[in-house]
C-alpha cells in the first residue's frame, strides 16, 4: 500500500539535489515522516533516491541528534564559516530566475500583440 502524503515540503539544494519532507498517515491513523534525498543522475537519465523513515517515537531524539551535530560543525569545526551564504545565493538565483521568466512572458505577450495588431498596414508605411 502506498501512503500518500498529508503534508509535504521541498528543499532545493543546488542544481542536482532536492530534499523532500513528507508526513504520511498509516492505516491505523498514526503518522510518520519520510525524508527523501533525490539527486539527478549525471547522465540526465532519471534520479537516484534515498529514503529515511522517521517514526513519531523517534522525532525528539532525531531532532536533538540533528541539532547537536549541526551545532558541532558550526561551532567547533567551522566557526568562521558563513553558513548563510548558500541561502543568500539561492535567494539571488530564485530572484533572477523569476525576473527571467517574467521577461520571457512579457516578450511572448508582446509578440502575440504584434501578431494581432492590425492597426498598421503597408499603406501606412512611408518608404
C-alpha atoms as a PDB file:
ATOM      1  CA  UNK A   1       0.000   0.000   0.000  1.00  0.00           C
ATOM      2  CA  UNK A   2       1.290   3.428  -0.910  1.00  0.00           C
ATOM      3  CA  UNK A   3       0.875   6.072   1.792  1.00  0.00           C
ATOM      4  CA  UNK A   4       0.017   9.424   0.219  1.00  0.00           C
ATOM      5  CA  UNK A   5       1.499  12.493   1.945  1.00  0.00           C
ATOM      6  CA  UNK A   6      -0.794  14.582   4.120  1.00  0.00           C
ATOM      7  CA  UNK A   7       1.861  17.304   4.213  1.00  0.00           C
ATOM      8  CA  UNK A   8       4.907  17.863   2.037  1.00  0.00           C
ATOM      9  CA  UNK A   9       7.831  20.260   1.994  1.00  0.00           C
ATOM     10  CA  UNK A  10      10.549  20.514  -0.642  1.00  0.00           C
ATOM     11  CA  UNK A  11      14.028  21.994  -0.345  1.00  0.00           C
ATOM     12  CA  UNK A  12      16.146  22.540  -3.436  1.00  0.00           C
ATOM     13  CA  UNK A  13      19.809  22.092  -2.658  1.00  0.00           C
ATOM     14  CA  UNK A  14      21.854  23.052  -5.677  1.00  0.00           C
ATOM     15  CA  UNK A  15      21.309  22.116  -9.285  1.00  0.00           C
ATOM     16  CA  UNK A  16      21.034  18.351  -8.887  1.00  0.00           C
ATOM     17  CA  UNK A  17      19.776  17.670  -5.356  1.00  0.00           C
ATOM     18  CA  UNK A  18      16.372  18.092  -3.718  1.00  0.00           C
ATOM     19  CA  UNK A  19      15.150  17.063  -0.265  1.00  0.00           C
ATOM     20  CA  UNK A  20      11.555  16.105   0.406  1.00  0.00           C
ATOM     21  CA  UNK A  21       9.947  16.008   3.863  1.00  0.00           C
ATOM     22  CA  UNK A  22       6.632  14.160   3.697  1.00  0.00           C
ATOM     23  CA  UNK A  23       4.197  13.412   6.514  1.00  0.00           C
ATOM     24  CA  UNK A  24       2.245  10.232   5.843  1.00  0.00           C
ATOM     25  CA  UNK A  25      -0.599   8.516   7.657  1.00  0.00           C
ATOM     26  CA  UNK A  26      -0.758   4.799   8.387  1.00  0.00           C
ATOM     27  CA  UNK A  27      -3.927   2.729   8.099  1.00  0.00           C
ATOM     28  CA  UNK A  28      -4.203   2.910  11.889  1.00  0.00           C
ATOM     29  CA  UNK A  29      -4.283   6.732  11.870  1.00  0.00           C
ATOM     30  CA  UNK A  30      -0.672   7.129  13.004  1.00  0.00           C
ATOM     31  CA  UNK A  31       1.794   9.483  11.325  1.00  0.00           C
ATOM     32  CA  UNK A  32       5.392   9.133  10.208  1.00  0.00           C
ATOM     33  CA  UNK A  33       7.826  11.211   8.180  1.00  0.00           C
ATOM     34  CA  UNK A  34       9.769  10.211   5.116  1.00  0.00           C
ATOM     35  CA  UNK A  35      12.928  12.162   4.344  1.00  0.00           C
ATOM     36  CA  UNK A  36      13.944  11.728   0.731  1.00  0.00           C
ATOM     37  CA  UNK A  37      17.089  12.906  -0.998  1.00  0.00           C
ATOM     38  CA  UNK A  38      16.602  12.977  -4.755  1.00  0.00           C
ATOM     39  CA  UNK A  39      19.667  13.514  -6.939  1.00  0.00           C
ATOM     40  CA  UNK A  40      19.593  13.912 -10.712  1.00  0.00           C
ATOM     41  CA  UNK A  41      21.951  11.428 -12.342  1.00  0.00           C
ATOM     42  CA  UNK A  42      24.962  12.881 -14.133  1.00  0.00           C
ATOM     43  CA  UNK A  43      23.824  11.474 -17.475  1.00  0.00           C
ATOM     44  CA  UNK A  44      20.496  13.264 -17.015  1.00  0.00           C
ATOM     45  CA  UNK A  45      18.595   9.958 -17.205  1.00  0.00           C
ATOM     46  CA  UNK A  46      16.420   9.935 -14.099  1.00  0.00           C
ATOM     47  CA  UNK A  47      17.064  10.332 -10.399  1.00  0.00           C
ATOM     48  CA  UNK A  48      18.604   8.434  -7.525  1.00  0.00           C
ATOM     49  CA  UNK A  49      16.520   8.474  -4.362  1.00  0.00           C
ATOM     50  CA  UNK A  50      17.415   7.670  -0.784  1.00  0.00           C
ATOM     51  CA  UNK A  51      14.739   7.492   1.925  1.00  0.00           C
ATOM     52  CA  UNK A  52      14.678   7.572   5.692  1.00  0.00           C
ATOM     53  CA  UNK A  53      11.514   6.685   7.572  1.00  0.00           C
ATOM     54  CA  UNK A  54      11.135   8.571  10.828  1.00  0.00           C
ATOM     55  CA  UNK A  55       8.536   7.408  13.322  1.00  0.00           C
ATOM     56  CA  UNK A  56       6.891   9.572  15.999  1.00  0.00           C
ATOM     57  CA  UNK A  57       8.660   7.832  18.879  1.00  0.00           C
ATOM     58  CA  UNK A  58      11.982   8.952  17.371  1.00  0.00           C
ATOM     59  CA  UNK A  59      11.081  12.568  16.476  1.00  0.00           C
ATOM     60  CA  UNK A  60      12.586  14.175  19.584  1.00  0.00           C
ATOM     61  CA  UNK A  61      15.770  12.075  19.600  1.00  0.00           C
ATOM     62  CA  UNK A  62      16.262  12.586  15.861  1.00  0.00           C
ATOM     63  CA  UNK A  63      15.789  16.348  16.125  1.00  0.00           C
ATOM     64  CA  UNK A  64      18.155  16.542  19.121  1.00  0.00           C
ATOM     65  CA  UNK A  65      20.792  14.489  17.312  1.00  0.00           C
ATOM     66  CA  UNK A  66      20.482  16.612  14.174  1.00  0.00           C
ATOM     67  CA  UNK A  67      20.705  19.884  16.115  1.00  0.00           C
ATOM     68  CA  UNK A  68      23.694  18.649  18.145  1.00  0.00           C
ATOM     69  CA  UNK A  69      25.528  17.517  15.023  1.00  0.00           C
ATOM     70  CA  UNK A  70      24.868  20.717  13.070  1.00  0.00           C
ATOM     71  CA  UNK A  71      25.814  22.898  16.031  1.00  0.00           C
ATOM     72  CA  UNK A  72      29.055  20.938  16.491  1.00  0.00           C
ATOM     73  CA  UNK A  73      30.040  21.534  12.875  1.00  0.00           C
ATOM     74  CA  UNK A  74      29.095  25.216  13.075  1.00  0.00           C
ATOM     75  CA  UNK A  75      30.781  25.982  16.410  1.00  0.00           C
ATOM     76  CA  UNK A  76      33.688  23.529  16.657  1.00  0.00           C
ATOM     77  CA  UNK A  77      34.720  22.609  13.133  1.00  0.00           C
ATOM     78  CA  UNK A  78      33.827  25.687  11.086  1.00  0.00           C
ATOM     79  CA  UNK A  79      33.181  28.621  13.450  1.00  0.00           C
ATOM     80  CA  UNK A  80      34.285  31.245  10.913  1.00  0.00           C
ATOM     81  CA  UNK A  81      32.283  29.903   8.003  1.00  0.00           C
ATOM     82  CA  UNK A  82      29.278  31.890   6.737  1.00  0.00           C
ATOM     83  CA  UNK A  83      26.538  29.250   6.632  1.00  0.00           C
ATOM     84  CA  UNK A  84      24.018  31.840   5.413  1.00  0.00           C
ATOM     85  CA  UNK A  85      25.974  32.255   2.169  1.00  0.00           C
ATOM     86  CA  UNK A  86      24.075  29.434   0.469  1.00  0.00           C
ATOM     87  CA  UNK A  87      20.701  30.853   1.464  1.00  0.00           C
ATOM     88  CA  UNK A  88      21.628  34.249   0.028  1.00  0.00           C
ATOM     89  CA  UNK A  89      22.906  32.644  -3.185  1.00  0.00           C
ATOM     90  CA  UNK A  90      19.727  30.577  -3.515  1.00  0.00           C
ATOM     91  CA  UNK A  91      17.510  33.618  -2.955  1.00  0.00           C
ATOM     92  CA  UNK A  92      19.514  35.576  -5.534  1.00  0.00           C
ATOM     93  CA  UNK A  93      19.221  32.729  -8.057  1.00  0.00           C
ATOM     94  CA  UNK A  94      15.461  32.452  -7.456  1.00  0.00           C
ATOM     95  CA  UNK A  95      15.049  36.220  -7.850  1.00  0.00           C
ATOM     96  CA  UNK A  96      16.992  36.223 -11.140  1.00  0.00           C
ATOM     97  CA  UNK A  97      15.056  33.205 -12.397  1.00  0.00           C
ATOM     98  CA  UNK A  98      11.730  34.892 -11.599  1.00  0.00           C
ATOM     99  CA  UNK A  99      12.868  38.031 -13.454  1.00  0.00           C
ATOM    100  CA  UNK A 100      13.914  35.938 -16.472  1.00  0.00           C
ATOM    101  CA  UNK A 101      10.568  34.141 -16.532  1.00  0.00           C
ATOM    102  CA  UNK A 102       8.693  37.437 -16.232  1.00  0.00           C
ATOM    103  CA  UNK A 103      10.751  38.889 -19.082  1.00  0.00           C
ATOM    104  CA  UNK A 104      10.031  35.820 -21.227  1.00  0.00           C
ATOM    105  CA  UNK A 105       6.315  36.166 -20.511  1.00  0.00           C
ATOM    106  CA  UNK A 106       6.449  39.862 -21.402  1.00  0.00           C
ATOM    107  CA  UNK A 107       8.307  39.107 -24.636  1.00  0.00           C
ATOM    108  CA  UNK A 108       5.811  36.397 -25.560  1.00  0.00           C
ATOM    109  CA  UNK A 109       2.934  38.750 -24.770  1.00  0.00           C
ATOM    110  CA  UNK A 110       4.457  41.479 -26.960  1.00  0.00           C
ATOM    111  CA  UNK A 111       4.907  39.019 -29.831  1.00  0.00           C
ATOM    112  CA  UNK A 112       1.251  37.995 -29.577  1.00  0.00           C
ATOM    113  CA  UNK A 113       0.189  41.661 -29.503  1.00  0.00           C
ATOM    114  CA  UNK A 114       2.298  42.386 -32.582  1.00  0.00           C
ATOM    115  CA  UNK A 115       0.745  39.419 -34.412  1.00  0.00           C
ATOM    116  CA  UNK A 116      -2.755  40.602 -33.520  1.00  0.00           C
ATOM    117  CA  UNK A 117      -2.124  44.303 -34.144  1.00  0.00           C
ATOM    118  CA  UNK A 118      -3.914  45.212 -37.375  1.00  0.00           C
ATOM    119  CA  UNK A 119      -3.617  48.977 -36.848  1.00  0.00           C
ATOM    120  CA  UNK A 120      -0.662  49.230 -39.229  1.00  0.00           C
ATOM    121  CA  UNK A 121      -0.846  48.275 -42.858  1.00  0.00           C
ATOM    122  CA  UNK A 122       1.643  48.539 -45.669  1.00  0.00           C
ATOM    123  CA  UNK A 123      -0.292  51.586 -46.878  1.00  0.00           C
ATOM    124  CA  UNK A 124       0.548  53.382 -43.606  1.00  0.00           C
ATOM    125  CA  UNK A 125       4.271  52.950 -44.111  1.00  0.00           C
ATOM    126  CA  UNK A 126       6.282  55.739 -45.714  1.00  0.00           C
ATOM    127  CA  UNK A 127       9.178  54.482 -47.815  1.00  0.00           C
END
